[in-house]
Amino acid sequence: MFDRPYSRTLEAEADKVGLQLAAKACVDVRASSVFWQQMEFTDGLYGHPKLPEWLSTHPSHGNRAEHLDRLIPQALTIREICNCPPLAGPDPRVLFKLSMKHFLEESEKEDLNIIVKKQKVDTLPTQNQKQIPLTYIVEKRTDS
């Protein structure tokens, strides 16, 4: 059970290499962490069980999002070196943050059966305080 062929370390390395390749292909790498935040949100919303990370070969969705956020400045530099066109539109991480804020406000108005815990991500060197994405953990409330 503890001698698994793959590990969270290898998964983190794969995420890093994938982000670098996406940057070289001129993809908007800022969206990479949003994908994992959405995965975490969806799992919580539908009540999927959350296993302890030490039982898994893969990092949790939240940890993956945080790891990718730390790598994004380097990936943006790679995009520049590869002469990629400038990124258009707002940062997808900010859009996700605003979407989550709207969702929370609406769920409170409609008294949806949802508990949301916010986890602040450390400030990234390329962002000011207002642009910091939040990771949300969503759990369904069970009325007992």
N, C-alpha and C. Protein backbone atom coordinates (compact mmCIF):
# COMPACT_ATOMS: atom_id res chain seq x y z
N MET A 1 0.82 -1.19 0.00
CA MET A 1 0.00 0.00 0.00
C MET A 1 0.86 1.26 0.00
N PHE A 2 1.99 1.23 0.70
CA PHE A 2 2.82 2.43 0.80
C PHE A 2 3.93 2.47 -0.24
N ASP A 3 4.04 1.43 -1.04
CA ASP A 3 5.06 1.38 -2.09
C ASP A 3 4.37 1.54 -3.44
N ARG A 4 3.92 2.74 -3.71
CA ARG A 4 3.19 3.02 -4.95
C ARG A 4 4.16 3.43 -6.05
N PRO A 5 3.85 3.07 -7.30
CA PRO A 5 4.76 3.38 -8.40
C PRO A 5 4.80 4.87 -8.74
N TYR A 6 3.78 5.62 -8.39
CA TYR A 6 3.73 7.04 -8.69
C TYR A 6 3.58 7.80 -7.39
N SER A 7 3.87 9.07 -7.41
CA SER A 7 3.80 9.84 -6.18
C SER A 7 3.32 11.25 -6.46
N ARG A 8 2.96 11.95 -5.38
CA ARG A 8 2.55 13.35 -5.50
C ARG A 8 3.69 14.19 -6.06
N THR A 9 4.93 13.80 -5.75
CA THR A 9 6.09 14.54 -6.27
C THR A 9 6.14 14.45 -7.79
N LEU A 10 5.92 13.25 -8.32
CA LEU A 10 5.91 13.09 -9.77
C LEU A 10 4.75 13.84 -10.41
N GLU A 11 3.60 13.85 -9.74
CA GLU A 11 2.45 14.59 -10.25
C GLU A 11 2.74 16.09 -10.27
N ALA A 12 3.39 16.60 -9.22
CA ALA A 12 3.74 18.03 -9.18
C ALA A 12 4.73 18.36 -10.30
N GLU A 13 5.66 17.45 -10.55
CA GLU A 13 6.61 17.65 -11.65
C GLU A 13 5.89 17.65 -13.00
N ALA A 14 4.93 16.75 -13.15
CA ALA A 14 4.15 16.69 -14.40
C ALA A 14 3.36 17.98 -14.59
N ASP A 15 2.80 18.51 -13.51
CA ASP A 15 2.07 19.79 -13.60
C ASP A 15 3.01 20.91 -14.05
N LYS A 16 4.22 20.91 -13.50
CA LYS A 16 5.20 21.95 -13.85
C LYS A 16 5.60 21.86 -15.33
N VAL A 17 5.91 20.65 -15.77
CA VAL A 17 6.31 20.46 -17.17
C VAL A 17 5.14 20.79 -18.10
N GLY A 18 3.95 20.36 -17.73
CA GLY A 18 2.77 20.67 -18.54
C GLY A 18 2.53 22.16 -18.65
N LEU A 19 2.72 22.88 -17.55
CA LEU A 19 2.55 24.33 -17.56
C LEU A 19 3.60 24.99 -18.45
N GLN A 20 4.83 24.49 -18.39
CA GLN A 20 5.90 25.04 -19.24
C GLN A 20 5.60 24.79 -20.72
N LEU A 21 5.12 23.60 -21.04
CA LEU A 21 4.77 23.29 -22.44
C LEU A 21 3.59 24.15 -22.91
N ALA A 22 2.62 24.35 -22.03
CA ALA A 22 1.48 25.20 -22.38
C ALA A 22 1.95 26.63 -22.63
N ALA A 23 2.89 27.10 -21.81
CA ALA A 23 3.43 28.45 -21.99
C ALA A 23 4.14 28.57 -23.33
N LYS A 24 4.92 27.56 -23.69
CA LYS A 24 5.62 27.58 -24.98
C LYS A 24 4.65 27.53 -26.15
N ALA A 25 3.46 26.96 -25.92
CA ALA A 25 2.43 26.90 -26.96
C ALA A 25 1.53 28.13 -26.93
N CYS A 26 1.91 29.12 -26.13
CA CYS A 26 1.19 30.40 -26.04
C CYS A 26 -0.22 30.28 -25.47
N VAL A 27 -0.43 29.30 -24.62
CA VAL A 27 -1.72 29.13 -23.94
C VAL A 27 -1.77 30.10 -22.76
N ASP A 28 -2.97 30.52 -22.38
CA ASP A 28 -3.13 31.36 -21.19
C ASP A 28 -2.94 30.49 -19.95
N VAL A 29 -1.74 30.46 -19.44
CA VAL A 29 -1.38 29.58 -18.32
C VAL A 29 -2.05 29.99 -17.01
N ARG A 30 -2.58 31.21 -16.95
CA ARG A 30 -3.23 31.67 -15.72
C ARG A 30 -4.47 30.84 -15.41
N ALA A 31 -5.04 30.20 -16.42
CA ALA A 31 -6.25 29.40 -16.21
C ALA A 31 -5.97 28.04 -15.59
N SER A 32 -4.72 27.63 -15.52
CA SER A 32 -4.39 26.30 -15.03
C SER A 32 -4.82 26.09 -13.58
N SER A 33 -4.56 27.05 -12.73
CA SER A 33 -4.94 26.88 -11.32
C SER A 33 -6.45 26.98 -11.14
N VAL A 34 -7.11 27.74 -12.01
CA VAL A 34 -8.57 27.87 -11.92
C VAL A 34 -9.24 26.51 -12.17
N PHE A 35 -8.69 25.74 -13.09
CA PHE A 35 -9.24 24.41 -13.36
C PHE A 35 -9.29 23.58 -12.08
N TRP A 36 -8.20 23.58 -11.33
CA TRP A 36 -8.15 22.77 -10.11
C TRP A 36 -9.02 23.35 -9.01
N GLN A 37 -9.18 24.67 -8.97
CA GLN A 37 -10.11 25.26 -8.01
C GLN A 37 -11.54 24.86 -8.36
N GLN A 38 -11.85 24.81 -9.64
CA GLN A 38 -13.19 24.38 -10.06
C GLN A 38 -13.41 22.91 -9.73
N MET A 39 -12.39 22.09 -9.89
CA MET A 39 -12.50 20.67 -9.54
C MET A 39 -12.78 20.52 -8.05
N GLU A 40 -12.06 21.27 -7.23
CA GLU A 40 -12.27 21.20 -5.78
C GLU A 40 -13.68 21.66 -5.42
N PHE A 41 -14.11 22.74 -6.04
CA PHE A 41 -15.44 23.28 -5.79
C PHE A 41 -16.51 22.25 -6.17
N THR A 42 -16.37 21.64 -7.34
CA THR A 42 -17.35 20.67 -7.81
C THR A 42 -17.39 19.44 -6.91
N ASP A 43 -16.24 18.94 -6.51
CA ASP A 43 -16.21 17.79 -5.61
C ASP A 43 -16.94 18.10 -4.31
N GLY A 44 -16.68 19.28 -3.75
CA GLY A 44 -17.35 19.65 -2.51
C GLY A 44 -18.84 19.86 -2.70
N LEU A 45 -19.22 20.45 -3.80
CA LEU A 45 -20.62 20.73 -4.07
C LEU A 45 -21.44 19.45 -4.19
N TYR A 46 -20.85 18.44 -4.80
CA TYR A 46 -21.56 17.17 -4.98
C TYR A 46 -21.27 16.17 -3.86
N GLY A 47 -20.57 16.61 -2.84
CA GLY A 47 -20.36 15.78 -1.67
C GLY A 47 -19.43 14.61 -1.87
N HIS A 48 -18.51 14.72 -2.83
CA HIS A 48 -17.54 13.64 -3.03
C HIS A 48 -16.65 13.54 -1.80
N PRO A 49 -16.36 12.33 -1.35
CA PRO A 49 -15.53 12.18 -0.15
C PRO A 49 -14.12 12.71 -0.39
N LYS A 50 -13.55 13.28 0.66
CA LYS A 50 -12.20 13.83 0.57
C LYS A 50 -11.27 12.91 1.36
N LEU A 51 -10.45 12.18 0.62
CA LEU A 51 -9.49 11.28 1.26
C LEU A 51 -8.30 12.06 1.80
N PRO A 52 -7.68 11.55 2.86
CA PRO A 52 -6.44 12.19 3.31
C PRO A 52 -5.41 12.12 2.18
N GLU A 53 -4.66 13.20 2.02
CA GLU A 53 -3.73 13.26 0.89
C GLU A 53 -2.68 12.15 0.95
N TRP A 54 -2.31 11.73 2.14
CA TRP A 54 -1.26 10.71 2.24
C TRP A 54 -1.72 9.36 1.69
N LEU A 55 -3.04 9.19 1.49
CA LEU A 55 -3.54 7.95 0.90
C LEU A 55 -3.58 8.01 -0.62
N SER A 56 -3.28 9.15 -1.18
CA SER A 56 -3.42 9.34 -2.61
C SER A 56 -2.08 9.50 -3.31
N THR A 57 -2.05 9.07 -4.56
CA THR A 57 -0.85 9.29 -5.38
C THR A 57 -0.86 10.69 -5.99
N HIS A 58 -1.99 11.37 -5.91
CA HIS A 58 -2.14 12.69 -6.51
C HIS A 58 -2.31 13.75 -5.43
N PRO A 59 -1.82 14.96 -5.66
CA PRO A 59 -2.06 16.06 -4.73
C PRO A 59 -3.55 16.41 -4.73
N SER A 60 -4.02 16.99 -3.65
CA SER A 60 -5.40 17.45 -3.61
C SER A 60 -5.58 18.55 -4.65
N HIS A 61 -6.82 18.78 -5.05
CA HIS A 61 -7.09 19.82 -6.05
C HIS A 61 -6.61 21.18 -5.56
N GLY A 62 -6.85 21.48 -4.28
CA GLY A 62 -6.43 22.77 -3.72
C GLY A 62 -4.92 22.94 -3.72
N ASN A 63 -4.21 21.88 -3.35
CA ASN A 63 -2.74 21.95 -3.35
C ASN A 63 -2.20 22.10 -4.77
N ARG A 64 -2.87 21.45 -5.70
CA ARG A 64 -2.44 21.59 -7.10
C ARG A 64 -2.62 23.01 -7.59
N ALA A 65 -3.76 23.62 -7.23
CA ALA A 65 -4.02 25.01 -7.64
C ALA A 65 -2.98 25.95 -7.04
N GLU A 66 -2.66 25.76 -5.77
CA GLU A 66 -1.66 26.61 -5.11
C GLU A 66 -0.29 26.44 -5.76
N HIS A 67 0.08 25.19 -6.05
CA HIS A 67 1.37 24.90 -6.68
C HIS A 67 1.46 25.58 -8.05
N LEU A 68 0.41 25.46 -8.84
CA LEU A 68 0.40 26.09 -10.17
C LEU A 68 0.45 27.61 -10.07
N ASP A 69 -0.25 28.18 -9.09
CA ASP A 69 -0.20 29.63 -8.90
C ASP A 69 1.22 30.11 -8.64
N ARG A 70 1.99 29.32 -7.90
CA ARG A 70 3.38 29.70 -7.63
C ARG A 70 4.25 29.61 -8.90
N LEU A 71 3.86 28.74 -9.83
CA LEU A 71 4.63 28.55 -11.06
C LEU A 71 4.23 29.49 -12.20
N ILE A 72 3.09 30.14 -12.08
CA ILE A 72 2.58 30.97 -13.18
C ILE A 72 3.53 32.11 -13.55
N PRO A 73 4.15 32.84 -12.61
CA PRO A 73 5.08 33.90 -13.03
C PRO A 73 6.19 33.38 -13.95
N GLN A 74 6.75 32.23 -13.63
CA GLN A 74 7.79 31.63 -14.48
C GLN A 74 7.22 31.27 -15.85
N ALA A 75 6.01 30.73 -15.88
CA ALA A 75 5.38 30.36 -17.15
C ALA A 75 5.08 31.59 -18.00
N LEU A 76 4.71 32.69 -17.36
CA LEU A 76 4.47 33.93 -18.11
C LEU A 76 5.76 34.45 -18.73
N THR A 77 6.87 34.26 -18.03
CA THR A 77 8.18 34.64 -18.58
C THR A 77 8.50 33.78 -19.80
N ILE A 78 8.20 32.49 -19.72
CA ILE A 78 8.44 31.59 -20.86
C ILE A 78 7.62 32.06 -22.06
N ARG A 79 6.37 32.47 -21.83
CA ARG A 79 5.53 32.97 -22.93
C ARG A 79 6.20 34.16 -23.61
N GLU A 80 6.75 35.07 -22.80
CA GLU A 80 7.42 36.26 -23.35
C GLU A 80 8.64 35.86 -24.18
N ILE A 81 9.45 34.94 -23.65
CA ILE A 81 10.65 34.49 -24.35
C ILE A 81 10.28 33.85 -25.70
N CYS A 82 9.13 33.19 -25.75
CA CYS A 82 8.67 32.52 -26.98
C CYS A 82 7.92 33.48 -27.91
N ASN A 83 7.95 34.77 -27.59
CA ASN A 83 7.27 35.78 -28.41
C ASN A 83 5.79 35.51 -28.61
N CYS A 84 5.14 35.04 -27.56
CA CYS A 84 3.69 34.82 -27.62
C CYS A 84 2.98 36.17 -27.61
N PRO A 85 1.79 36.23 -28.19
CA PRO A 85 1.04 37.49 -28.15
C PRO A 85 0.63 37.80 -26.71
N PRO A 86 0.42 39.07 -26.40
CA PRO A 86 0.00 39.44 -25.04
C PRO A 86 -1.32 38.75 -24.68
N LEU A 87 -1.47 38.46 -23.41
CA LEU A 87 -2.70 37.84 -22.94
C LEU A 87 -3.84 38.85 -23.00
N ALA A 88 -4.95 38.42 -23.53
CA ALA A 88 -6.11 39.30 -23.64
C ALA A 88 -7.05 39.06 -22.46
N GLY A 89 -7.78 40.08 -22.12
CA GLY A 89 -8.82 39.94 -21.10
C GLY A 89 -8.27 39.87 -19.70
N PRO A 90 -9.18 39.83 -18.74
CA PRO A 90 -8.77 39.78 -17.33
C PRO A 90 -8.20 38.42 -16.95
N ASP A 91 -7.49 38.41 -15.86
CA ASP A 91 -6.90 37.18 -15.32
C ASP A 91 -8.03 36.21 -14.94
N PRO A 92 -8.01 34.98 -15.47
CA PRO A 92 -9.07 34.01 -15.14
C PRO A 92 -9.17 33.74 -13.64
N ARG A 93 -8.08 33.90 -12.91
CA ARG A 93 -8.12 33.68 -11.46
C ARG A 93 -8.98 34.74 -10.79
N VAL A 94 -8.90 35.97 -11.28
CA VAL A 94 -9.72 37.05 -10.73
C VAL A 94 -11.19 36.81 -11.10
N LEU A 95 -11.44 36.37 -12.33
CA LEU A 95 -12.81 36.07 -12.75
C LEU A 95 -13.41 34.97 -11.89
N PHE A 96 -12.61 33.94 -11.58
CA PHE A 96 -13.11 32.86 -10.74
C PHE A 96 -13.42 33.38 -9.34
N LYS A 97 -12.55 34.21 -8.82
CA LYS A 97 -12.77 34.79 -7.49
C LYS A 97 -14.08 35.58 -7.47
N LEU A 98 -14.31 36.39 -8.50
CA LEU A 98 -15.55 37.17 -8.57
C LEU A 98 -16.77 36.28 -8.76
N SER A 99 -16.64 35.24 -9.55
CA SER A 99 -17.74 34.29 -9.74
C SER A 99 -18.10 33.61 -8.43
N MET A 100 -17.08 33.22 -7.67
CA MET A 100 -17.33 32.58 -6.38
C MET A 100 -17.99 33.55 -5.41
N LYS A 101 -17.56 34.79 -5.43
CA LYS A 101 -18.18 35.80 -4.56
C LYS A 101 -19.66 35.94 -4.91
N HIS A 102 -19.97 36.02 -6.20
CA HIS A 102 -21.36 36.12 -6.64
C HIS A 102 -22.14 34.88 -6.22
N PHE A 103 -21.55 33.69 -6.40
CA PHE A 103 -22.21 32.45 -6.01
C PHE A 103 -22.53 32.45 -4.52
N LEU A 104 -21.58 32.88 -3.71
CA LEU A 104 -21.80 32.91 -2.27
C LEU A 104 -22.92 33.86 -1.90
N GLU A 105 -22.93 35.03 -2.52
CA GLU A 105 -23.98 36.01 -2.24
C GLU A 105 -25.34 35.45 -2.62
N GLU A 106 -25.43 34.83 -3.78
CA GLU A 106 -26.71 34.26 -4.22
C GLU A 106 -27.13 33.08 -3.35
N SER A 107 -26.18 32.25 -2.94
CA SER A 107 -26.52 31.09 -2.12
C SER A 107 -27.02 31.54 -0.74
N GLU A 108 -26.48 32.66 -0.24
CA GLU A 108 -26.98 33.19 1.03
C GLU A 108 -28.39 33.73 0.87
N LYS A 109 -28.66 34.42 -0.24
CA LYS A 109 -30.00 34.95 -0.50
C LYS A 109 -31.03 33.83 -0.59
N GLU A 110 -30.65 32.76 -1.25
CA GLU A 110 -31.58 31.66 -1.47
C GLU A 110 -31.49 30.61 -0.37
N ASP A 111 -30.65 30.84 0.62
CA ASP A 111 -30.45 29.91 1.74
C ASP A 111 -30.19 28.49 1.25
N LEU A 112 -29.26 28.37 0.31
CA LEU A 112 -28.89 27.06 -0.19
C LEU A 112 -28.17 26.29 0.90
N ASN A 113 -28.26 24.99 0.83
CA ASN A 113 -27.70 24.12 1.85
C ASN A 113 -26.20 23.89 1.62
N ILE A 114 -25.42 24.98 1.64
CA ILE A 114 -24.00 24.88 1.30
C ILE A 114 -23.17 25.62 2.34
N ILE A 115 -22.07 25.01 2.72
CA ILE A 115 -21.09 25.65 3.60
C ILE A 115 -19.85 25.87 2.74
N VAL A 116 -19.33 27.07 2.76
CA VAL A 116 -18.13 27.36 1.98
C VAL A 116 -17.07 27.91 2.92
N LYS A 117 -15.89 27.32 2.88
CA LYS A 117 -14.76 27.80 3.68
C LYS A 117 -13.77 28.43 2.73
N LYS A 118 -13.30 29.61 3.06
CA LYS A 118 -12.34 30.30 2.21
C LYS A 118 -10.93 30.02 2.71
N GLN A 119 -10.03 29.78 1.79
CA GLN A 119 -8.62 29.64 2.13
C GLN A 119 -7.85 30.64 1.28
N LYS A 120 -7.20 31.57 1.93
CA LYS A 120 -6.47 32.59 1.20
C LYS A 120 -5.14 32.02 0.70
N VAL A 121 -4.85 32.31 -0.54
CA VAL A 121 -3.58 31.91 -1.14
C VAL A 121 -2.59 33.04 -0.92
N ASP A 122 -1.36 32.70 -0.61
CA ASP A 122 -0.34 33.73 -0.41
C ASP A 122 -0.23 34.65 -1.62
N THR A 123 0.18 35.88 -1.36
CA THR A 123 0.34 36.86 -2.43
C THR A 123 1.39 36.38 -3.41
N LEU A 124 1.05 36.46 -4.67
CA LEU A 124 2.00 36.10 -5.71
C LEU A 124 2.81 37.33 -6.08
N PRO A 125 4.07 37.17 -6.47
CA PRO A 125 4.91 38.33 -6.77
C PRO A 125 4.35 39.23 -7.87
N THR A 126 3.59 38.67 -8.80
CA THR A 126 3.09 39.47 -9.91
C THR A 126 1.70 40.05 -9.66
N GLN A 127 1.19 39.87 -8.46
CA GLN A 127 -0.16 40.33 -8.18
C GLN A 127 -0.16 41.32 -7.02
N ASN A 128 -1.10 42.26 -7.06
CA ASN A 128 -1.29 43.07 -5.88
C ASN A 128 -2.37 42.42 -5.03
N GLN A 129 -2.56 42.92 -3.84
CA GLN A 129 -3.44 42.28 -2.86
C GLN A 129 -4.87 42.08 -3.39
N LYS A 130 -5.38 42.99 -4.20
CA LYS A 130 -6.75 42.89 -4.69
C LYS A 130 -6.93 41.76 -5.70
N GLN A 131 -5.84 41.28 -6.28
CA GLN A 131 -5.94 40.26 -7.32
C GLN A 131 -5.68 38.85 -6.81
N ILE A 132 -5.51 38.68 -5.52
CA ILE A 132 -5.17 37.36 -5.00
C ILE A 132 -6.36 36.42 -5.14
N PRO A 133 -6.17 35.28 -5.80
CA PRO A 133 -7.27 34.33 -5.91
C PRO A 133 -7.53 33.65 -4.58
N LEU A 134 -8.74 33.25 -4.38
CA LEU A 134 -9.10 32.50 -3.19
C LEU A 134 -9.40 31.07 -3.60
N THR A 135 -9.07 30.15 -2.74
CA THR A 135 -9.47 28.77 -2.94
C THR A 135 -10.67 28.55 -2.04
N TYR A 136 -11.70 27.97 -2.57
CA TYR A 136 -12.91 27.72 -1.81
C TYR A 136 -13.08 26.23 -1.62
N ILE A 137 -13.43 25.85 -0.40
CA ILE A 137 -13.78 24.47 -0.13
C ILE A 137 -15.27 24.47 0.13
N VAL A 138 -15.99 23.67 -0.62
CA VAL A 138 -17.44 23.64 -0.50
C VAL A 138 -17.85 22.29 0.05
N GLU A 139 -18.71 22.32 1.05
CA GLU A 139 -19.24 21.10 1.63
C GLU A 139 -20.75 21.22 1.68
N LYS A 140 -21.43 20.13 1.42
CA LYS A 140 -22.88 20.15 1.57
C LYS A 140 -23.20 20.02 3.05
N ARG A 141 -24.13 20.86 3.52
CA ARG A 141 -24.58 20.75 4.90
C ARG A 141 -25.54 19.58 5.00
N THR A 142 -25.45 18.87 6.07
CA THR A 142 -26.42 17.82 6.33
C THR A 142 -27.18 18.22 7.57
N ASP A 143 -28.48 18.34 7.44
CA ASP A 143 -29.32 18.71 8.58
C ASP A 143 -29.59 17.47 9.40
N SER A 144 -29.09 17.48 10.64
CA SER A 144 -29.27 16.31 11.49
C SER A 144 -30.32 16.58 12.53
